[in-house]
C-alpha atoms as a PDB file:
ATOM      1  CA  MET A   1      72.510 127.211  53.720  1.00  0.00           C
ATOM      2  CA  GLY A   2      70.238 128.678  56.383  1.00  0.00           C
ATOM      3  CA  TYR A   3      71.542 131.250  58.830  1.00  0.00           C
ATOM      4  CA  GLN A   4      70.090 132.266  62.194  1.00  0.00           C
ATOM      5  CA  THR A   5      71.463 135.814  62.478  1.00  0.00           C
ATOM      6  CA  PHE A   6      70.962 137.048  58.930  1.00  0.00           C
ATOM      7  CA  THR A   7      69.050 136.135  55.815  1.00  0.00           C
ATOM      8  CA  ILE A   8      70.286 135.676  52.253  1.00  0.00           C
ATOM      9  CA  GLU A   9      67.936 136.467  49.397  1.00  0.00           C
ATOM     10  CA  LYS A  10      69.283 135.487  46.009  1.00  0.00           C
ATOM     11  CA  ARG A  11      68.251 137.855  43.249  1.00  0.00           C
ATOM     12  CA  GLY A  12      69.943 136.474  40.183  1.00  0.00           C
ATOM     13  CA  ALA A  13      73.692 136.926  40.571  1.00  0.00           C
ATOM     14  CA  ALA A  14      73.320 139.186  43.631  1.00  0.00           C
ATOM     15  CA  ASP A  15      73.024 138.099  47.263  1.00  0.00           C
ATOM     16  CA  TRP A  16      70.990 140.425  49.469  1.00  0.00           C
ATOM     17  CA  LEU A  17      72.316 139.875  53.006  1.00  0.00           C
ATOM     18  CA  THR A  18      70.082 141.278  55.754  1.00  0.00           C
ATOM     19  CA  LEU A  19      71.361 141.269  59.328  1.00  0.00           C
ATOM     20  CA  ASN A  20      68.368 139.895  61.207  1.00  0.00           C
ATOM     21  CA  ARG A  21      68.490 140.552  64.951  1.00  0.00           C
ATOM     22  CA  PRO A  22      66.204 143.597  64.926  1.00  0.00           C
ATOM     23  CA  ASP A  23      65.231 143.229  68.594  1.00  0.00           C
ATOM     24  CA  VAL A  24      68.817 144.196  69.539  1.00  0.00           C
ATOM     25  CA  LEU A  25      69.442 146.535  66.573  1.00  0.00           C
ATOM     26  CA  ASN A  26      71.316 143.729  64.792  1.00  0.00           C
ATOM     27  CA  ALA A  27      74.050 143.692  67.436  1.00  0.00           C
ATOM     28  CA  ILE A  28      76.983 141.387  66.749  1.00  0.00           C
ATOM     29  CA  SER A  29      76.774 138.093  68.651  1.00  0.00           C
ATOM     30  CA  LEU A  30      79.209 135.209  68.629  1.00  0.00           C
ATOM     31  CA  LEU A  31      76.876 133.241  66.388  1.00  0.00           C
ATOM     32  CA  MET A  32      76.617 136.156  63.968  1.00  0.00           C
ATOM     33  CA  VAL A  33      80.394 136.348  63.759  1.00  0.00           C
ATOM     34  CA  GLN A  34      80.673 132.631  63.100  1.00  0.00           C
ATOM     35  CA  GLU A  35      77.973 132.752  60.427  1.00  0.00           C
ATOM     36  CA  LEU A  36      79.345 135.848  58.694  1.00  0.00           C
ATOM     37  CA  SER A  37      82.824 134.350  58.727  1.00  0.00           C
ATOM     38  CA  GLY A  38      81.515 131.228  57.027  1.00  0.00           C
ATOM     39  CA  TYR A  39      79.459 133.168  54.494  1.00  0.00           C
ATOM     40  CA  PHE A  40      82.149 135.635  53.392  1.00  0.00           C
ATOM     41  CA  GLY A  41      84.785 132.911  53.471  1.00  0.00           C
ATOM     42  CA  GLN A  42      82.960 130.702  50.980  1.00  0.00           C
ATOM     43  CA  LEU A  43      82.379 133.606  48.587  1.00  0.00           C
ATOM     44  CA  PHE A  44      86.021 133.443  47.486  1.00  0.00           C
ATOM     45  CA  HIS A  45      85.227 130.315  45.449  1.00  0.00           C
ATOM     46  CA  ASP A  46      81.634 131.235  44.506  1.00  0.00           C
ATOM     47  CA  ARG A  47      81.452 131.942  40.772  1.00  0.00           C
ATOM     48  CA  ASP A  48      77.675 132.357  40.684  1.00  0.00           C
ATOM     49  CA  THR A  49      77.378 135.194  43.218  1.00  0.00           C
ATOM     50  CA  ARG A  50      78.805 138.352  41.663  1.00  0.00           C
ATOM     51  CA  VAL A  51      77.554 141.109  44.038  1.00  0.00           C
ATOM     52  CA  VAL A  52      76.577 141.274  47.717  1.00  0.00           C
ATOM     53  CA  VAL A  53      74.181 143.851  49.144  1.00  0.00           C
ATOM     54  CA  MET A  54      74.400 144.210  52.945  1.00  0.00           C
ATOM     55  CA  ARG A  55      71.721 145.863  55.079  1.00  0.00           C
ATOM     56  CA  GLY A  56      69.978 145.587  58.455  1.00  0.00           C
ATOM     57  CA  ALA A  57      66.455 144.624  59.471  1.00  0.00           C
ATOM     58  CA  GLY A  58      64.373 146.879  61.695  1.00  0.00           C
ATOM     59  CA  LYS A  59      65.436 150.296  62.952  1.00  0.00           C
ATOM     60  CA  ALA A  60      69.208 150.092  62.440  1.00  0.00           C
ATOM     61  CA  PHE A  61      71.979 148.737  60.270  1.00  0.00           C
ATOM     62  CA  CYS A  62      74.043 147.317  63.147  1.00  0.00           C
ATOM     63  CA  ALA A  63      74.538 148.719  66.647  1.00  0.00           C
ATOM     64  CA  GLY A  64      77.897 147.003  67.077  1.00  0.00           C
ATOM     65  CA  LEU A  65      78.934 144.405  69.611  1.00  0.00           C
ATOM     66  CA  ASP A  66      76.227 142.683  71.624  1.00  0.00           C
ATOM     67  CA  ILE A  67      77.628 143.951  74.902  1.00  0.00           C
ATOM     68  CA  LYS A  68      75.176 142.058  77.093  1.00  0.00           C
ATOM     69  CA  GLU A  69      76.153 138.760  75.512  1.00  0.00           C
ATOM     70  CA  ARG A  70      79.885 139.404  75.702  1.00  0.00           C
ATOM     71  CA  ALA A  71      79.729 140.758  79.272  1.00  0.00           C
ATOM     72  CA  GLY A  72      78.077 137.537  80.445  1.00  0.00           C
ATOM     73  CA  SER A  73      80.270 135.215  78.434  1.00  0.00           C
ATOM     74  CA  ARG A  74      83.323 133.409  79.740  1.00  0.00           C
ATOM     75  CA  ASP A  75      83.863 131.250  76.721  1.00  0.00           C
ATOM     76  CA  GLU A  76      86.990 131.625  74.665  1.00  0.00           C
ATOM     77  CA  VAL A  77      86.870 131.094  70.950  1.00  0.00           C
ATOM     78  CA  PRO A  78      89.607 128.624  70.014  1.00  0.00           C
ATOM     79  CA  PHE A  79      92.103 129.348  67.254  1.00  0.00           C
ATOM     80  CA  ALA A  80      91.090 132.658  65.603  1.00  0.00           C
ATOM     81  CA  GLY A  81      94.742 133.521  65.193  1.00  0.00           C
ATOM     82  CA  GLY A  82      95.278 133.184  68.936  1.00  0.00           C
ATOM     83  CA  PHE A  83      93.099 136.241  69.667  1.00  0.00           C
ATOM     84  CA  GLY A  84      89.847 134.500  70.599  1.00  0.00           C
ATOM     85  CA  PHE A  85      86.659 136.450  69.830  1.00  0.00           C
ATOM     86  CA  GLN A  86      88.722 139.501  68.846  1.00  0.00           C
ATOM     87  CA  GLY A  87      90.514 137.563  66.136  1.00  0.00           C
ATOM     88  CA  LEU A  88      87.384 135.776  64.971  1.00  0.00           C
ATOM     89  CA  LEU A  89      85.497 139.030  64.389  1.00  0.00           C
ATOM     90  CA  ALA A  90      88.506 140.787  62.851  1.00  0.00           C
ATOM     91  CA  ASP A  91      88.762 137.987  60.309  1.00  0.00           C
ATOM     92  CA  VAL A  92      85.249 138.769  59.018  1.00  0.00           C
ATOM     93  CA  TYR A  93      86.413 142.169  57.728  1.00  0.00           C
ATOM     94  CA  ILE A  94      89.453 140.608  56.090  1.00  0.00           C
ATOM     95  CA  LYS A  95      87.183 138.127  54.328  1.00  0.00           C
ATOM     96  CA  MET A  96      84.928 140.975  53.194  1.00  0.00           C
ATOM     97  CA  ARG A  97      87.884 142.621  51.499  1.00  0.00           C
ATOM     98  CA  ARG A  98      89.289 139.321  50.184  1.00  0.00           C
ATOM     99  CA  CYS A  99      86.103 138.096  48.539  1.00  0.00           C
ATOM    100  CA  PRO A 100      86.008 139.028  44.835  1.00  0.00           C
ATOM    101  CA  GLN A 101      82.395 140.236  44.933  1.00  0.00           C
ATOM    102  CA  PRO A 102      81.800 143.979  45.390  1.00  0.00           C
ATOM    103  CA  ILE A 103      79.829 144.650  48.577  1.00  0.00           C
ATOM    104  CA  VAL A 104      77.192 147.401  48.613  1.00  0.00           C
ATOM    105  CA  SER A 105      76.114 148.540  52.081  1.00  0.00           C
ATOM    106  CA  LEU A 106      72.713 150.182  52.531  1.00  0.00           C
ATOM    107  CA  VAL A 107      72.883 152.010  55.858  1.00  0.00           C
ATOM    108  CA  HIS A 108      69.949 153.257  57.895  1.00  0.00           C
ATOM    109  CA  GLY A 109      69.806 154.135  61.550  1.00  0.00           C
ATOM    110  CA  ALA A 110      72.826 153.355  63.701  1.00  0.00           C
ATOM    111  CA  ALA A 111      76.025 151.738  62.445  1.00  0.00           C
ATOM    112  CA  CYS A 112      78.313 151.674  65.472  1.00  0.00           C
ATOM    113  CA  GLY A 113      81.618 150.033  66.325  1.00  0.00           C
ATOM    114  CA  GLY A 114      81.801 146.711  64.545  1.00  0.00           C
ATOM    115  CA  GLY A 115      78.697 147.711  62.571  1.00  0.00           C
ATOM    116  CA  PHE A 116      80.525 150.829  61.401  1.00  0.00           C
ATOM    117  CA  SER A 117      83.389 148.607  60.294  1.00  0.00           C
ATOM    118  CA  PHE A 118      80.968 146.503  58.216  1.00  0.00           C
ATOM    119  CA  VAL A 119      80.176 149.721  56.351  1.00  0.00           C
ATOM    120  CA  LEU A 120      83.835 150.694  56.032  1.00  0.00           C
ATOM    121  CA  ALA A 121      84.815 147.251  54.711  1.00  0.00           C
ATOM    122  CA  SER A 122      82.238 147.509  51.914  1.00  0.00           C
ATOM    123  CA  ASP A 123      83.038 148.738  48.431  1.00  0.00           C
ATOM    124  CA  ILE A 124      80.072 151.056  47.898  1.00  0.00           C
ATOM    125  CA  ARG A 125      78.187 152.764  50.723  1.00  0.00           C
ATOM    126  CA  VAL A 126      74.709 154.297  50.423  1.00  0.00           C
ATOM    127  CA  ALA A 127      73.178 156.070  53.427  1.00  0.00           C
ATOM    128  CA  GLY A 128      69.559 156.556  54.268  1.00  0.00           C
ATOM    129  CA  GLU A 129      68.678 159.937  55.720  1.00  0.00           C
ATOM    130  CA  SER A 130      68.498 158.380  59.206  1.00  0.00           C
ATOM    131  CA  ALA A 131      72.016 156.946  59.066  1.00  0.00           C
ATOM    132  CA  LYS A 132      74.451 157.785  61.848  1.00  0.00           C
ATOM    133  CA  MET A 133      77.804 156.079  62.291  1.00  0.00           C
ATOM    134  CA  ASN A 134      80.548 156.132  64.899  1.00  0.00           C
ATOM    135  CA  ALA A 135      83.711 154.425  66.094  1.00  0.00           C
ATOM    136  CA  ALA A 136      82.004 153.425  69.328  1.00  0.00           C
ATOM    137  CA  TYR A 137      84.968 151.424  70.614  1.00  0.00           C
ATOM    138  CA  ILE A 138      86.487 154.410  72.380  1.00  0.00           C
ATOM    139  CA  LYS A 139      83.218 154.989  74.261  1.00  0.00           C
ATOM    140  CA  LEU A 140      83.697 151.619  75.981  1.00  0.00           C
ATOM    141  CA  GLY A 141      87.164 152.241  77.364  1.00  0.00           C
ATOM    142  CA  LEU A 142      88.863 150.663  74.372  1.00  0.00           C
ATOM    143  CA  SER A 143      91.057 152.004  71.606  1.00  0.00           C
ATOM    144  CA  ALA A 144      89.158 153.183  68.551  1.00  0.00           C
ATOM    145  CA  CYS A 145      91.762 151.371  66.465  1.00  0.00           C
ATOM    146  CA  ASP A 146      89.679 148.213  66.075  1.00  0.00           C
ATOM    147  CA  MET A 147      88.147 146.016  63.393  1.00  0.00           C
ATOM    148  CA  GLY A 148      90.017 147.713  60.578  1.00  0.00           C
ATOM    149  CA  CYS A 149      88.750 151.179  61.464  1.00  0.00           C
ATOM    150  CA  SER A 150      92.249 152.685  61.650  1.00  0.00           C
ATOM    151  CA  TYR A 151      92.979 151.271  58.193  1.00  0.00           C
ATOM    152  CA  PHE A 152      89.714 151.975  56.373  1.00  0.00           C
ATOM    153  CA  LEU A 153      88.592 155.326  57.754  1.00  0.00           C
ATOM    154  CA  PRO A 154      91.661 157.510  56.973  1.00  0.00           C
ATOM    155  CA  ARG A 155      91.691 156.147  53.436  1.00  0.00           C
ATOM    156  CA  LEU A 156      88.045 157.088  52.971  1.00  0.00           C
ATOM    157  CA  VAL A 157      87.792 160.497  54.665  1.00  0.00           C
ATOM    158  CA  GLY A 158      91.400 161.573  55.316  1.00  0.00           C
ATOM    159  CA  THR A 159      93.443 161.620  58.487  1.00  0.00           C
ATOM    160  CA  SER A 160      91.927 164.776  59.987  1.00  0.00           C
ATOM    161  CA  VAL A 161      88.296 163.676  59.918  1.00  0.00           C
ATOM    162  CA  ALA A 162      89.266 160.110  60.835  1.00  0.00           C
ATOM    163  CA  SER A 163      91.190 161.411  63.856  1.00  0.00           C
ATOM    164  CA  GLU A 164      88.205 163.451  64.981  1.00  0.00           C
ATOM    165  CA  LEU A 165      85.778 160.552  64.675  1.00  0.00           C
ATOM    166  CA  MET A 166      88.058 157.977  66.275  1.00  0.00           C
ATOM    167  CA  LEU A 167      89.399 160.111  69.127  1.00  0.00           C
ATOM    168  CA  THR A 168      85.991 161.451  70.152  1.00  0.00           C
ATOM    169  CA  GLY A 169      83.586 158.664  69.176  1.00  0.00           C
ATOM    170  CA  ARG A 170      81.282 161.312  67.733  1.00  0.00           C
ATOM    171  CA  PHE A 171      78.569 160.280  65.299  1.00  0.00           C
ATOM    172  CA  ILE A 172      78.815 161.250  61.671  1.00  0.00           C
ATOM    173  CA  HIS A 173      75.366 161.703  60.153  1.00  0.00           C
ATOM    174  CA  ALA A 174      74.281 161.154  56.562  1.00  0.00           C
ATOM    175  CA  PRO A 175      74.817 164.685  55.189  1.00  0.00           C
ATOM    176  CA  ARG A 176      78.363 164.972  56.488  1.00  0.00           C
ATOM    177  CA  ALA A 177      79.110 161.385  55.494  1.00  0.00           C
ATOM    178  CA  LEU A 178      78.269 162.381  51.929  1.00  0.00           C
ATOM    179  CA  ALA A 179      80.273 165.607  52.133  1.00  0.00           C
ATOM    180  CA  THR A 180      83.393 163.777  53.361  1.00  0.00           C
ATOM    181  CA  GLY A 181      83.145 160.985  50.790  1.00  0.00           C
ATOM    182  CA  LEU A 182      82.334 158.317  53.340  1.00  0.00           C
ATOM    183  CA  VAL A 183      79.206 157.396  51.373  1.00  0.00           C
ATOM    184  CA  SER A 184      78.409 157.734  47.678  1.00  0.00           C
ATOM    185  CA  GLN A 185      74.797 158.770  48.021  1.00  0.00           C
ATOM    186  CA  VAL A 186      72.139 159.758  50.563  1.00  0.00           C
ATOM    187  CA  VAL A 187      68.517 158.841  49.906  1.00  0.00           C
ATOM    188  CA  PRO A 188      65.322 158.672  51.961  1.00  0.00           C
ATOM    189  CA  ASP A 189      65.270 155.441  53.963  1.00  0.00           C
ATOM    190  CA  ALA A 190      62.333 154.164  51.929  1.00  0.00           C
ATOM    191  CA  GLU A 191      64.431 154.445  48.748  1.00  0.00           C
ATOM    192  CA  LEU A 192      67.474 152.501  49.968  1.00  0.00           C
ATOM    193  CA  GLU A 193      66.441 149.244  48.329  1.00  0.00           C
ATOM    194  CA  ALA A 194      65.819 150.948  44.992  1.00  0.00           C
ATOM    195  CA  ALA A 195      69.232 152.637  45.234  1.00  0.00           C
ATOM    196  CA  GLY A 196      70.824 149.274  45.954  1.00  0.00           C
ATOM    197  CA  GLU A 197      69.095 147.710  42.959  1.00  0.00           C
ATOM    198  CA  SER A 198      70.428 150.491  40.743  1.00  0.00           C
ATOM    199  CA  TYR A 199      74.024 149.797  41.846  1.00  0.00           C
ATOM    200  CA  VAL A 200      73.543 146.055  41.397  1.00  0.00           C
ATOM    201  CA  GLU A 201      72.320 146.616  37.850  1.00  0.00           C
ATOM    202  CA  ASP A 202      75.387 148.691  36.992  1.00  0.00           C
ATOM    203  CA  LEU A 203      77.787 146.251  38.653  1.00  0.00           C
ATOM    204  CA  LEU A 204      76.314 143.263  36.822  1.00  0.00           C
ATOM    205  CA  ALA A 205      76.690 145.108  33.527  1.00  0.00           C
ATOM    206  CA  ALA A 206      80.454 144.480  33.812  1.00  0.00           C
ATOM    207  CA  SER A 207      82.029 141.228  32.727  1.00  0.00           C
ATOM    208  CA  PRO A 208      82.465 138.716  35.582  1.00  0.00           C
ATOM    209  CA  MET A 209      86.268 138.786  35.397  1.00  0.00           C
ATOM    210  CA  GLY A 210      86.408 142.542  34.893  1.00  0.00           C
ATOM    211  CA  LEU A 211      84.336 143.093  38.026  1.00  0.00           C
ATOM    212  CA  ARG A 212      86.397 140.740  40.184  1.00  0.00           C
ATOM    213  CA  MET A 213      89.717 142.097  38.971  1.00  0.00           C
ATOM    214  CA  THR A 214      88.667 145.700  39.472  1.00  0.00           C
ATOM    215  CA  LYS A 215      87.967 145.054  43.163  1.00  0.00           C
ATOM    216  CA  GLU A 216      91.252 143.175  43.484  1.00  0.00           C
ATOM    217  CA  GLY A 217      93.195 145.863  41.621  1.00  0.00           C
ATOM    218  CA  LEU A 218      91.758 148.649  43.773  1.00  0.00           C
ATOM    219  CA  ASN A 219      92.656 146.781  46.951  1.00  0.00           C
ATOM    220  CA  LEU A 220      96.240 146.361  45.788  1.00  0.00           C
ATOM    221  CA  ALA A 221      96.611 149.873  44.398  1.00  0.00           C
ATOM    222  CA  ILE A 222      95.574 151.521  47.671  1.00  0.00           C
ATOM    223  CA  ASP A 223      98.703 150.130  49.303  1.00  0.00           C
ATOM    224  CA  ALA A 224     100.936 150.070  46.238  1.00  0.00           C
ATOM    225  CA  PRO A 225     104.444 151.340  47.016  1.00  0.00           C
ATOM    226  CA  SER A 226     104.728 153.139  43.688  1.00  0.00           C
ATOM    227  CA  LEU A 227     102.957 154.035  40.468  1.00  0.00           C
ATOM    228  CA  GLU A 228     104.955 151.343  38.728  1.00  0.00           C
ATOM    229  CA  ALA A 229     103.699 148.696  41.173  1.00  0.00           C
ATOM    230  CA  ALA A 230     100.084 149.734  40.612  1.00  0.00           C
ATOM    231  CA  MET A 231     100.566 149.718  36.854  1.00  0.00           C
ATOM    232  CA  ALA A 232     102.105 146.254  36.979  1.00  0.00           C
ATOM    233  CA  ILE A 233      98.863 144.964  38.524  1.00  0.00           C
ATOM    234  CA  GLU A 234      96.824 146.897  35.958  1.00  0.00           C
ATOM    235  CA  ASN A 235      98.848 145.448  33.077  1.00  0.00           C
ATOM    236  CA  ARG A 236      98.449 141.923  34.445  1.00  0.00           C
ATOM    237  CA  ASN A 237      94.697 142.352  34.895  1.00  0.00           C
ATOM    238  CA  GLN A 238      94.191 143.813  31.419  1.00  0.00           C
ATOM    239  CA  LEU A 239      96.150 141.024  29.763  1.00  0.00           C
ATOM    240  CA  MET A 240      94.018 138.439  31.563  1.00  0.00           C
ATOM    241  CA  THR A 241      90.667 140.107  30.828  1.00  0.00           C
ATOM    242  CA  SER A 242      91.561 140.844  27.199  1.00  0.00           C
ATOM    243  CA  ALA A 243      92.242 137.132  26.655  1.00  0.00           C
ATOM    244  CA  SER A 244      88.634 136.356  27.509  1.00  0.00           C
ATOM    245  CA  PRO A 245      85.978 136.157  24.762  1.00  0.00           C
ATOM    246  CA  ASN A 246      83.994 138.617  26.883  1.00  0.00           C
ATOM    247  CA  PHE A 247      86.393 141.379  25.835  1.00  0.00           C
ATOM    248  CA  ARG A 248      85.496 140.858  22.190  1.00  0.00           C
ATOM    249  CA  GLU A 249      81.812 140.671  23.113  1.00  0.00           C
ATOM    250  CA  GLY A 250      82.114 143.919  25.081  1.00  0.00           C
ATOM    251  CA  MET A 251      83.695 145.740  22.165  1.00  0.00           C
ATOM    252  CA  GLN A 252      81.155 144.368  19.676  1.00  0.00           C
ATOM    253  CA  ALA A 253      78.253 145.346  21.943  1.00  0.00           C
ATOM    254  CA  PHE A 254      79.684 148.855  22.246  1.00  0.00           C
ATOM    255  CA  LEU A 255      79.905 149.204  18.455  1.00  0.00           C
ATOM    256  CA  GLU A 256      76.394 147.825  18.012  1.00  0.00           C
ATOM    257  CA  LYS A 257      75.006 150.008  20.801  1.00  0.00           C
ATOM    258  CA  ARG A 258      73.501 147.084  22.742  1.00  0.00           C
ATOM    259  CA  LYS A 259      73.985 145.416  26.091  1.00  0.00           C
ATOM    260  CA  PRO A 260      76.774 142.797  26.068  1.00  0.00           C
ATOM    261  CA  ASN A 261      75.907 139.144  26.574  1.00  0.00           C
ATOM    262  CA  TYR A 262      78.781 138.042  28.771  1.00  0.00           C
ATOM    263  CA  LEU A 263      79.658 134.409  29.347  1.00  0.00           C
ATOM    264  CA  PRO A 264      80.341 133.033  32.838  1.00  0.00           C
ATOM    265  CA  GLU A 265      84.017 133.168  33.759  1.00  0.00           C
END
């Protein structure tokens, strides 16, 4: 399917999603929301795509909401949980977390507001040296508790740093993002694609079911009410993956010191 606001390049089992509105720093328009919602929604049943890499074209990752478009718009988005555009965009982040494919974000330049939340909703975050991110919502007279930011950010960097960033709207730049654990790695901007390829290679080295169930298990464990609840999910996942022939192939490959040849699952 062709999209107008981003491109999808298929590299084997990985989709490389590039936000493609560089003239407005990849700002989030209504059409972008609708297209991203459709894309991430269909991934739930996509067995061929195993990893998604998300990045931005031009000078920035995503500058957040296209304020000029929204300021001049009187249209209301129907349905969307009864919250119009707000609900439609919020649902994109839920679909990012719900899809079984790990999402790797490659961040350069600005990632603000809703663009920041794209980064937060990813599974692995790599920053270019130019990356700067902020919870821009509060700079517009809104609450900074928006688009999952109040859920994601404290879990990634802790309550103290999250409070600072959300209450002030200050930018966090690449070095501090690495120091606080917000990103896994900082590389020169020119090396972002190579870094992304390295993560994709490692992710695709896992069995298909093992990869999907690890993302699912992490999501559930973060909010697990107890150790026993988390372990119940782990036990369930291990029983399911161990029943697959890929488990035997993984063990045999380990003993033979070779790469496993996993079957589709």
